[in-house]
Amino acid sequence: MPQPTSRPGWDPAEIPDLGGRTAVVTGANSGIGFETARILAEHGARVVLACRNLESASNAADRIRVVSPGAELECVHLDLMSLQSVRIAAEVLRSRNPRIDLLVNNAGAATRRYIRTPDGFEATLATNHLGPFALTGLLLDRLAPVPGARIVTVSSVTHRRTRLPFEDLHAERRRYRYMEAYGQSKLANLLFTFELQRRLTGLHAEAIAVAAHPGSARSQFSNNMGLLTRILTRMPWYLLVSWSQQPAAQGALSTIRAAVGENVRGGEFYGPTRLFGFKGRPELTRAAAHAYDEAAQARLWTESERLTGVEYPHALAVGEMVRDVGRNPGRP
């Protein structure tokens, strides 16, 4: 995997004109996802807001149009807790988009109580990893052949404190702790990204896989957190919190840099580096050492294919059929 190297500082002013590019952003109705969609749309991208609540997605699109009247926006229903919903959303996206330039796996959750999804998965793992894994695989033929395409998955600094319990991924035999489950799902995001990049490289795909983390950002995500967390994140006068947190728009810049920044390579990880990664401008950083464990990456991949029923080799093979579309010289 790439090692962080010294590079010039990055500024949002460097975001290029994204006209002609199509971006799919999951969880784009609020927080980091909304800010990501807004910034991409403001720079000319056609943005698809893929959200569980279509009304909230529509409201978010209206808010973006206020600042970018000419923005090309679309809303698609996507509930990452349901494989059926993921498959339906993927079919809708495939039918409307012969190519996708950017997929941002942003949507995330941390359910305080233990919930099993209709597919039998623990809900946090399903929302944060298995759903995005399936969605990416089902859309890969629209991404892999496209020059400059990127798959950006949003992780978190919480991955550093956890390991994946492969023998009990769905917390059936151990006590469920929601923040532990969240950290494990964010570790899964990184294992997935690094393994995906290795496979894309081996298949000489045009697309690359990149990870990002927002640091500590104020957003509606805290709605699913515990009472103390909600109190602290909603009290900007509280010294420690105000010192360590940054606005959602700032947190989204890590995703934006990973998505459209120059000189970004597959398998890299971007995020703030100040205050233990809580705040600051997005920089090339390094994940915890156990995120680079290739055996864990391969094991999670195999298990994710088994659980979701989405097999990537088939998706990549199908991608060969749209390679001519991906090389269309009329698109950036």
Protein backbone atom coordinates (compact mmCIF):
# COMPACT_ATOMS: atom_id res chain seq x y z
CA MET A 1 0.00 0.00 0.00
CA PRO A 2 1.18 3.58 -0.69
CA GLN A 3 3.09 5.28 2.09
CA PRO A 4 2.29 8.90 2.98
CA THR A 5 4.83 11.20 1.39
CA SER A 6 5.48 14.90 1.65
CA ARG A 7 3.22 16.87 -0.70
CA PRO A 8 2.20 20.51 -1.04
CA GLY A 9 -0.77 21.54 1.08
CA TRP A 10 -4.18 21.18 -0.55
CA ASP A 11 -6.70 23.99 -0.81
CA PRO A 12 -10.39 23.75 -1.83
CA ALA A 13 -9.62 26.36 -4.48
CA GLU A 14 -7.87 23.55 -6.35
CA ILE A 15 -11.13 21.69 -6.98
CA PRO A 16 -11.38 21.43 -10.77
CA ASP A 17 -14.35 22.00 -13.05
CA LEU A 18 -16.38 18.80 -12.77
CA GLY A 19 -18.70 19.47 -15.70
CA GLY A 20 -19.65 16.30 -17.54
CA ARG A 21 -18.94 14.01 -14.59
CA THR A 22 -21.52 11.97 -12.71
CA ALA A 23 -21.16 11.43 -8.96
CA VAL A 24 -23.23 9.16 -6.73
CA VAL A 25 -23.14 10.14 -3.05
CA THR A 26 -24.81 7.91 -0.45
CA GLY A 27 -26.30 9.52 2.64
CA ALA A 28 -26.27 12.89 0.90
CA ASN A 29 -29.27 14.36 2.70
CA SER A 30 -27.34 15.69 5.71
CA GLY A 31 -23.98 16.22 7.36
CA ILE A 32 -20.80 15.19 5.56
CA GLY A 33 -22.74 13.62 2.71
CA PHE A 34 -24.77 16.75 2.06
CA GLU A 35 -21.69 18.96 2.07
CA THR A 36 -19.92 16.54 -0.28
CA ALA A 37 -22.85 16.60 -2.70
CA ARG A 38 -23.09 20.38 -2.47
CA ILE A 39 -19.42 20.97 -3.22
CA LEU A 40 -19.42 18.53 -6.14
CA ALA A 41 -22.56 20.15 -7.59
CA GLU A 42 -21.17 23.66 -7.15
CA HIS A 43 -18.22 22.65 -9.31
CA GLY A 44 -20.38 21.33 -12.12
CA ALA A 45 -20.82 17.63 -11.41
CA ARG A 46 -24.13 15.90 -11.98
CA VAL A 47 -24.86 14.52 -8.51
CA VAL A 48 -27.12 11.63 -7.53
CA LEU A 49 -28.22 11.80 -3.90
CA ALA A 50 -28.74 8.17 -2.83
CA CYS A 51 -30.60 8.23 0.49
CA ARG A 52 -32.87 6.15 2.68
CA ASN A 53 -35.40 8.99 3.01
CA LEU A 54 -36.39 10.39 -0.39
CA GLU A 55 -38.17 13.40 1.11
CA SER A 56 -35.00 14.40 2.98
CA ALA A 57 -32.99 13.84 -0.18
CA SER A 58 -35.34 16.08 -2.15
CA ASN A 59 -35.10 18.78 0.51
CA ALA A 60 -31.31 18.53 0.39
CA ALA A 61 -31.37 18.90 -3.39
CA ASP A 62 -33.52 22.02 -3.04
CA ARG A 63 -31.01 23.48 -0.58
CA ILE A 64 -28.20 22.86 -3.05
CA ARG A 65 -30.15 24.54 -5.84
CA VAL A 66 -30.46 27.68 -3.72
CA VAL A 67 -26.69 28.20 -3.92
CA SER A 68 -26.25 26.50 -7.31
CA PRO A 69 -29.39 27.22 -9.38
CA GLY A 70 -28.07 25.32 -12.39
CA ALA A 71 -27.07 22.21 -10.44
CA GLU A 72 -28.01 18.90 -12.07
CA LEU A 73 -29.32 16.75 -9.22
CA GLU A 74 -31.20 13.50 -8.92
CA CYS A 75 -32.50 11.53 -5.93
CA VAL A 76 -32.56 7.73 -5.64
CA HIS A 77 -33.92 5.66 -2.78
CA LEU A 78 -31.24 3.56 -1.09
CA ASP A 79 -31.49 1.76 2.25
CA LEU A 80 -28.13 0.13 2.91
CA MET A 81 -29.65 -2.06 5.63
CA SER A 82 -31.52 -3.98 2.96
CA LEU A 83 -29.83 -5.94 0.19
CA GLN A 84 -33.07 -5.82 -1.74
CA SER A 85 -33.04 -2.02 -1.61
CA VAL A 86 -29.37 -1.98 -2.62
CA ARG A 87 -30.07 -4.15 -5.64
CA ILE A 88 -33.06 -2.06 -6.71
CA ALA A 89 -31.10 1.18 -6.30
CA ALA A 90 -28.21 -0.28 -8.29
CA GLU A 91 -30.53 -1.24 -11.13
CA VAL A 92 -32.01 2.27 -11.19
CA LEU A 93 -28.54 3.82 -11.22
CA ARG A 94 -27.32 1.45 -13.92
CA SER A 95 -30.34 2.11 -16.11
CA ARG A 96 -29.80 5.88 -15.95
CA ASN A 97 -26.00 6.01 -16.07
CA PRO A 98 -23.95 4.22 -18.74
CA ARG A 99 -20.93 5.44 -16.80
CA ILE A 100 -20.27 6.77 -13.30
CA ASP A 101 -17.21 8.89 -12.60
CA LEU A 102 -17.42 8.93 -8.83
CA LEU A 103 -19.03 6.76 -6.17
CA VAL A 104 -18.85 8.13 -2.62
CA ASN A 105 -19.72 5.52 0.00
CA ASN A 106 -20.53 8.07 2.68
CA ALA A 107 -23.71 6.89 4.44
CA GLY A 108 -23.10 5.53 7.91
CA ALA A 109 -24.83 4.65 11.15
CA ALA A 110 -24.16 3.51 14.71
CA THR A 111 -27.30 1.96 16.16
CA ARG A 112 -27.31 2.20 19.95
CA ARG A 113 -29.31 -0.99 20.44
CA TYR A 114 -28.71 -4.31 18.78
CA ILE A 115 -30.70 -4.61 15.54
CA ARG A 116 -30.76 -7.41 12.98
CA THR A 117 -31.58 -6.42 9.41
CA PRO A 118 -34.07 -8.35 7.24
CA ASP A 119 -31.04 -10.14 5.78
CA GLY A 120 -29.92 -11.27 9.23
CA PHE A 121 -26.98 -8.88 9.55
CA GLU A 122 -26.04 -6.69 12.50
CA ALA A 123 -27.36 -3.27 11.45
CA THR A 124 -24.22 -1.14 11.87
CA LEU A 125 -22.06 -3.57 9.89
CA ALA A 126 -24.79 -3.85 7.26
CA THR A 127 -25.17 -0.10 6.81
CA ASN A 128 -21.50 0.84 6.95
CA HIS A 129 -19.86 -2.06 5.15
CA LEU A 130 -22.00 -4.84 3.66
CA GLY A 131 -24.43 -2.45 1.94
CA PRO A 132 -21.65 -0.32 0.41
CA PHE A 133 -19.73 -3.48 -0.56
CA ALA A 134 -22.76 -4.77 -2.44
CA LEU A 135 -23.58 -1.42 -4.02
CA THR A 136 -20.01 -0.92 -5.24
CA GLY A 137 -19.91 -4.39 -6.75
CA LEU A 138 -23.23 -3.93 -8.52
CA LEU A 139 -22.08 -0.60 -10.00
CA LEU A 140 -18.52 -1.59 -10.76
CA ASP A 141 -19.12 -2.16 -14.47
CA ARG A 142 -20.13 1.51 -14.65
CA LEU A 143 -16.96 2.62 -12.84
CA ALA A 144 -14.07 0.28 -13.59
CA PRO A 145 -13.61 1.19 -17.30
CA VAL A 146 -13.98 4.97 -16.82
CA PRO A 147 -10.70 6.93 -16.98
CA GLY A 148 -10.23 8.90 -13.78
CA ALA A 149 -13.13 7.22 -11.96
CA ARG A 150 -12.83 6.93 -8.19
CA ILE A 151 -14.54 4.92 -5.48
CA VAL A 152 -14.24 6.83 -2.21
CA THR A 153 -15.26 5.15 1.02
CA VAL A 154 -15.58 7.23 4.18
CA SER A 155 -13.98 5.66 7.25
CA SER A 156 -13.24 7.10 10.70
CA VAL A 157 -10.40 7.47 13.19
CA THR A 158 -12.38 5.07 15.41
CA HIS A 159 -11.02 2.19 13.30
CA ARG A 160 -7.75 2.45 15.22
CA ARG A 161 -9.17 1.04 18.46
CA THR A 162 -10.84 -2.07 17.05
CA ARG A 163 -10.27 -5.41 15.37
CA LEU A 164 -12.78 -7.35 13.28
CA PRO A 165 -14.22 -10.35 15.16
CA PHE A 166 -14.42 -12.66 12.15
CA GLU A 167 -15.80 -15.52 14.22
CA ASP A 168 -18.73 -13.36 15.36
CA LEU A 169 -19.21 -10.50 12.87
CA HIS A 170 -22.87 -10.01 13.81
CA ALA A 171 -22.37 -9.95 17.60
CA GLU A 172 -24.47 -13.04 18.16
CA ARG A 173 -22.27 -14.47 20.92
CA ARG A 174 -20.83 -11.37 22.54
CA ARG A 175 -22.18 -8.23 24.18
CA TYR A 176 -23.09 -5.57 21.65
CA ARG A 177 -21.38 -2.21 22.17
CA TYR A 178 -22.46 0.27 19.56
CA MET A 179 -19.28 2.36 19.44
CA GLU A 180 -17.20 -0.80 19.18
CA ALA A 181 -19.45 -2.00 16.36
CA TYR A 182 -19.08 1.37 14.65
CA GLY A 183 -15.29 1.26 14.88
CA GLN A 184 -15.24 -2.27 13.50
CA SER A 185 -17.40 -1.23 10.55
CA LYS A 186 -15.05 1.68 9.84
CA LEU A 187 -12.10 -0.70 9.94
CA ALA A 188 -14.02 -2.84 7.45
CA ASN A 189 -14.26 0.21 5.17
CA LEU A 190 -10.49 0.41 5.04
CA LEU A 191 -9.90 -3.31 4.59
CA PHE A 192 -12.42 -3.18 1.73
CA THR A 193 -10.80 -0.16 0.08
CA PHE A 194 -7.29 -1.59 0.15
CA GLU A 195 -8.40 -5.00 -1.14
CA LEU A 196 -10.54 -3.39 -3.85
CA GLN A 197 -7.61 -1.29 -5.02
CA ARG A 198 -5.38 -4.35 -5.22
CA ARG A 199 -7.97 -6.13 -7.37
CA LEU A 200 -8.55 -3.12 -9.61
CA THR A 201 -4.82 -2.84 -10.17
CA GLY A 202 -4.56 -6.52 -11.01
CA LEU A 203 -7.31 -6.17 -13.59
CA HIS A 204 -5.82 -2.98 -15.09
CA ALA A 205 -9.04 -1.10 -14.36
CA GLU A 206 -9.19 2.65 -14.94
CA ALA A 207 -10.92 3.37 -11.63
CA ILE A 208 -9.12 3.61 -8.29
CA ALA A 209 -10.30 3.05 -4.71
CA VAL A 210 -9.48 5.66 -2.06
CA ALA A 211 -10.48 6.13 1.60
CA ALA A 212 -11.10 9.27 3.64
CA HIS A 213 -12.12 10.27 7.14
CA PRO A 214 -13.70 13.58 8.23
CA GLY A 215 -12.11 13.85 11.65
CA SER A 216 -14.49 15.08 14.34
CA ALA A 217 -17.26 16.99 12.57
CA ARG A 218 -20.54 18.46 13.79
CA SER A 219 -23.40 16.73 11.99
CA GLN A 220 -26.72 14.94 12.48
CA PHE A 221 -24.83 11.67 12.82
CA SER A 222 -24.79 12.27 16.59
CA ASN A 223 -28.56 11.57 16.62
CA ASN A 224 -27.73 7.88 16.86
CA MET A 225 -25.15 8.32 19.59
CA GLY A 226 -25.59 8.12 23.34
CA LEU A 227 -27.02 10.88 25.49
CA LEU A 228 -23.65 12.17 26.68
CA THR A 229 -22.29 12.26 23.13
CA ARG A 230 -25.36 14.11 21.88
CA ILE A 231 -25.08 16.66 24.68
CA LEU A 232 -21.41 17.31 24.07
CA THR A 233 -21.66 17.55 20.28
CA ARG A 234 -24.51 20.05 20.57
CA MET A 235 -22.74 22.38 23.02
CA PRO A 236 -20.25 24.43 21.00
CA TRP A 237 -19.41 26.41 24.16
CA TYR A 238 -18.09 23.29 25.80
CA LEU A 239 -14.32 23.87 25.65
CA LEU A 240 -13.09 20.40 24.73
CA VAL A 241 -15.69 19.80 22.05
CA SER A 242 -15.36 23.19 20.41
CA TRP A 243 -11.59 22.74 20.42
CA SER A 244 -11.67 19.35 18.73
CA GLN A 245 -14.63 19.61 16.35
CA GLN A 246 -14.97 21.27 12.97
CA PRO A 247 -17.98 22.09 10.77
CA ALA A 248 -19.39 19.39 8.51
CA ALA A 249 -18.31 21.42 5.47
CA GLN A 250 -14.70 21.23 6.67
CA GLY A 251 -14.99 17.53 7.42
CA ALA A 252 -16.29 16.91 3.90
CA LEU A 253 -13.09 18.27 2.38
CA SER A 254 -11.30 14.99 3.09
CA THR A 255 -13.82 13.19 0.89
CA ILE A 256 -13.56 15.88 -1.75
CA ARG A 257 -9.78 15.71 -1.88
CA ALA A 258 -9.90 11.92 -2.19
CA ALA A 259 -12.57 12.24 -4.87
CA VAL A 260 -11.22 14.96 -7.15
CA GLY A 261 -7.81 16.08 -5.87
CA GLU A 262 -4.81 15.89 -8.16
CA ASN A 263 -2.09 13.27 -7.69
CA VAL A 264 -4.35 10.97 -5.66
CA ARG A 265 -3.35 7.33 -5.98
CA GLY A 266 -5.38 4.21 -5.39
CA GLY A 267 -5.18 2.80 -1.87
CA GLU A 268 -4.46 6.15 -0.24
CA PHE A 269 -6.17 7.49 2.88
CA TYR A 270 -6.99 11.17 3.41
CA GLY A 271 -8.11 13.04 6.49
CA PRO A 272 -7.25 15.74 9.02
CA THR A 273 -4.10 15.08 11.03
CA ARG A 274 -4.24 17.67 13.81
CA LEU A 275 -5.35 16.69 17.33
CA PHE A 276 -4.96 12.97 16.67
CA GLY A 277 -6.87 13.28 13.40
CA PHE A 278 -9.83 15.19 14.80
CA LYS A 279 -9.47 18.39 12.82
CA GLY A 280 -7.50 20.29 10.22
CA ARG A 281 -7.12 20.29 6.45
CA PRO A 282 -7.25 16.96 4.65
CA GLU A 283 -3.82 15.42 4.30
CA LEU A 284 -2.46 12.14 3.05
CA THR A 285 -2.36 10.03 6.21
CA ARG A 286 -1.87 6.46 7.26
CA ALA A 287 -4.40 4.05 8.76
CA ALA A 288 -3.67 1.84 11.75
CA ALA A 289 -1.23 -0.95 10.98
CA HIS A 290 -3.88 -3.69 11.24
CA ALA A 291 -5.88 -2.06 8.42
CA TYR A 292 -3.07 -3.07 6.05
CA ASP A 293 -3.27 -6.76 7.00
CA GLU A 294 -3.71 -8.41 3.61
CA ALA A 295 -4.94 -11.66 5.13
CA ALA A 296 -7.70 -9.76 6.98
CA GLN A 297 -8.57 -7.84 3.81
CA ALA A 298 -8.92 -11.04 1.78
CA ARG A 299 -10.89 -12.77 4.53
CA LEU A 300 -13.34 -9.89 4.84
CA TRP A 301 -13.73 -9.78 1.06
CA THR A 302 -14.58 -13.48 0.84
CA GLU A 303 -17.03 -13.24 3.72
CA SER A 304 -18.65 -10.11 2.26
CA GLU A 305 -19.19 -11.83 -1.09
CA ARG A 306 -20.71 -14.81 0.70
CA LEU A 307 -23.04 -12.71 2.83
CA THR A 308 -24.19 -10.30 0.11
CA GLY A 309 -24.16 -12.66 -2.85
CA VAL A 310 -22.32 -10.02 -4.90
CA GLU A 311 -19.30 -11.46 -6.69
CA TYR A 312 -16.88 -8.86 -7.99
CA PRO A 313 -15.08 -10.87 -10.68
CA HIS A 314 -18.41 -11.11 -12.52
CA ALA A 315 -19.02 -7.38 -12.08
CA LEU A 316 -15.59 -6.56 -13.47
CA ALA A 317 -16.07 -8.94 -16.40
CA VAL A 318 -19.32 -7.21 -17.26
CA GLY A 319 -17.40 -3.94 -17.13
CA GLU A 320 -15.46 -4.99 -20.21
CA MET A 321 -18.67 -4.58 -22.20
CA VAL A 322 -18.87 -0.87 -21.41
CA ARG A 323 -15.17 -0.10 -21.88
CA ASP A 324 -15.88 1.84 -25.06
CA VAL A 325 -18.34 4.01 -23.15
CA GLY A 326 -15.76 4.57 -20.44
CA ARG A 327 -13.23 5.82 -23.00
CA ASN A 328 -15.63 8.28 -24.62
CA PRO A 329 -13.31 11.19 -25.49
CA GLY A 330 -16.19 13.62 -25.14
CA ARG A 331 -16.16 13.17 -21.35
CA PRO A 332 -13.46 14.34 -18.93
